[in-house]
Amino acid sequence: MRDGKPRSGLKPPAKTTHVLPEYPKEAVKQGLVGRLVVMGRIDSRTGQPTDLTVDGGPEMLAAAALKAARKWRYRPLEIDGVKYDLELHAEITFTLE
C-alpha cells in the first residue's frame, strides 16, 4: 500500500489447482487419523510447490499428503510485473467418519 491505497501493480497469490489427498486403504483399516502440515515454497516461475516436507502425522498419511500437494498449482505473488517465490504452509487433516 502506498499512502493508504492498494498498489495497482499487486496481484495476490492464489491456488489455481487443488487436489485432495487419497486416504490410504491401509490407513483406513488401521484407523489412522492425523493433522499434518505440508511445508515448502511456491516457485514463482512455474507455480508449483517445491522442496516439500511434512510435519506431524503417521508416515502413511504424510506420503498421501505429499502426493496430493505435488499436484497443487498456484498463481504466484506478483508486484509491478515481478513474480516472487512464497513459503507454503498448508494444513491437511485426515479423519474417519
Protein backbone atom coordinates (compact mmCIF):
# COMPACT_ATOMS: atom_id res chain seq x y z
CA MET A 1 0.00 0.00 0.00
CA ARG A 2 1.12 3.49 -0.76
CA ASP A 3 -0.50 6.44 1.00
CA GLY A 4 -3.14 4.05 2.36
CA LYS A 5 -4.12 2.88 -1.13
CA PRO A 6 -3.58 -0.64 -2.52
CA ARG A 7 -0.77 -0.98 -5.04
CA SER A 8 -2.16 -1.09 -8.55
CA GLY A 9 0.61 -3.44 -9.68
CA LEU A 10 -0.15 -6.06 -7.00
CA LYS A 11 -1.52 -9.46 -7.99
CA PRO A 12 -2.02 -11.58 -4.86
CA PRO A 13 -1.13 -15.28 -4.87
CA ALA A 14 -3.91 -17.81 -5.40
CA LYS A 15 -4.23 -21.57 -5.60
CA THR A 16 -5.36 -22.45 -9.12
CA THR A 17 -5.43 -26.25 -8.80
CA HIS A 18 -6.32 -28.16 -5.64
CA VAL A 19 -6.11 -31.94 -5.35
CA LEU A 20 -7.42 -33.70 -2.26
CA PRO A 21 -5.23 -36.44 -0.82
CA GLU A 22 -6.42 -40.02 -1.15
CA TYR A 23 -6.89 -41.71 2.21
CA PRO A 24 -4.67 -44.82 2.00
CA LYS A 25 -6.75 -48.00 2.33
CA GLU A 26 -4.31 -49.44 4.86
CA ALA A 27 -4.54 -46.26 6.94
CA VAL A 28 -8.34 -46.58 6.98
CA LYS A 29 -8.03 -50.24 8.06
CA GLN A 30 -5.69 -49.23 10.88
CA GLY A 31 -7.89 -46.29 11.89
CA LEU A 32 -5.07 -43.78 11.36
CA VAL A 33 -6.05 -40.14 11.65
CA GLY A 34 -3.96 -37.03 11.92
CA ARG A 35 -3.34 -33.39 11.20
CA LEU A 36 -0.29 -32.71 9.07
CA VAL A 37 1.35 -29.54 7.85
CA VAL A 38 2.83 -29.51 4.35
CA MET A 39 5.66 -27.00 4.06
CA GLY A 40 7.79 -25.84 1.16
CA ARG A 41 7.82 -23.00 -1.30
CA ILE A 42 5.88 -21.97 -4.38
CA ASP A 43 8.14 -21.49 -7.38
CA SER A 44 7.39 -18.10 -8.94
CA ARG A 45 8.17 -19.30 -12.48
CA THR A 46 6.03 -22.44 -12.53
CA GLY A 47 3.51 -22.01 -9.72
CA GLN A 48 4.47 -25.47 -8.49
CA PRO A 49 5.15 -26.36 -4.87
CA THR A 50 8.79 -27.39 -4.36
CA ASP A 51 11.04 -28.54 -1.50
CA LEU A 52 8.03 -30.13 0.20
CA THR A 53 8.18 -31.66 3.66
CA VAL A 54 5.52 -32.79 6.11
CA ASP A 55 5.38 -32.11 9.83
CA GLY A 56 3.31 -34.39 12.05
CA GLY A 57 1.10 -37.38 11.48
CA PRO A 58 1.76 -41.02 10.59
CA GLU A 59 4.19 -41.66 7.70
CA MET A 60 1.49 -43.35 5.63
CA LEU A 61 -0.66 -40.20 5.77
CA ALA A 62 2.34 -37.96 5.15
CA ALA A 63 3.06 -39.80 1.90
CA ALA A 64 -0.55 -39.27 0.74
CA ALA A 65 -0.42 -35.58 1.68
CA LEU A 66 2.81 -35.05 -0.26
CA LYS A 67 1.46 -36.85 -3.31
CA ALA A 68 -1.55 -34.52 -3.40
CA ALA A 69 0.45 -31.35 -2.65
CA ARG A 70 2.80 -32.03 -5.57
CA LYS A 71 -0.22 -31.65 -7.88
CA TRP A 72 -1.31 -28.27 -6.48
CA ARG A 73 -0.68 -25.20 -8.63
CA TYR A 74 -0.55 -21.54 -7.71
CA ARG A 75 -0.52 -18.15 -9.31
CA PRO A 76 2.49 -16.60 -7.56
CA LEU A 77 2.59 -13.21 -5.90
CA GLU A 78 3.31 -10.53 -8.50
CA ILE A 79 4.24 -6.93 -7.72
CA ASP A 80 4.77 -4.46 -10.55
CA GLY A 81 5.37 -7.29 -13.00
CA VAL A 82 7.88 -9.13 -10.79
CA LYS A 83 6.88 -12.61 -9.54
CA TYR A 84 8.05 -13.80 -6.13
CA ASP A 85 8.54 -17.24 -4.59
CA LEU A 86 6.41 -17.78 -1.50
CA GLU A 87 6.59 -20.05 1.52
CA LEU A 88 3.91 -22.72 1.64
CA HIS A 89 2.25 -23.88 4.87
CA ALA A 90 -0.87 -25.97 4.29
CA GLU A 91 -2.71 -28.00 6.90
CA ILE A 92 -4.25 -31.32 5.88
CA THR A 93 -6.48 -33.25 8.28
CA PHE A 94 -7.26 -36.92 7.81
CA THR A 95 -10.37 -38.02 9.74
CA LEU A 96 -12.54 -41.11 9.69
CA GLU A 97 -16.28 -40.62 9.93
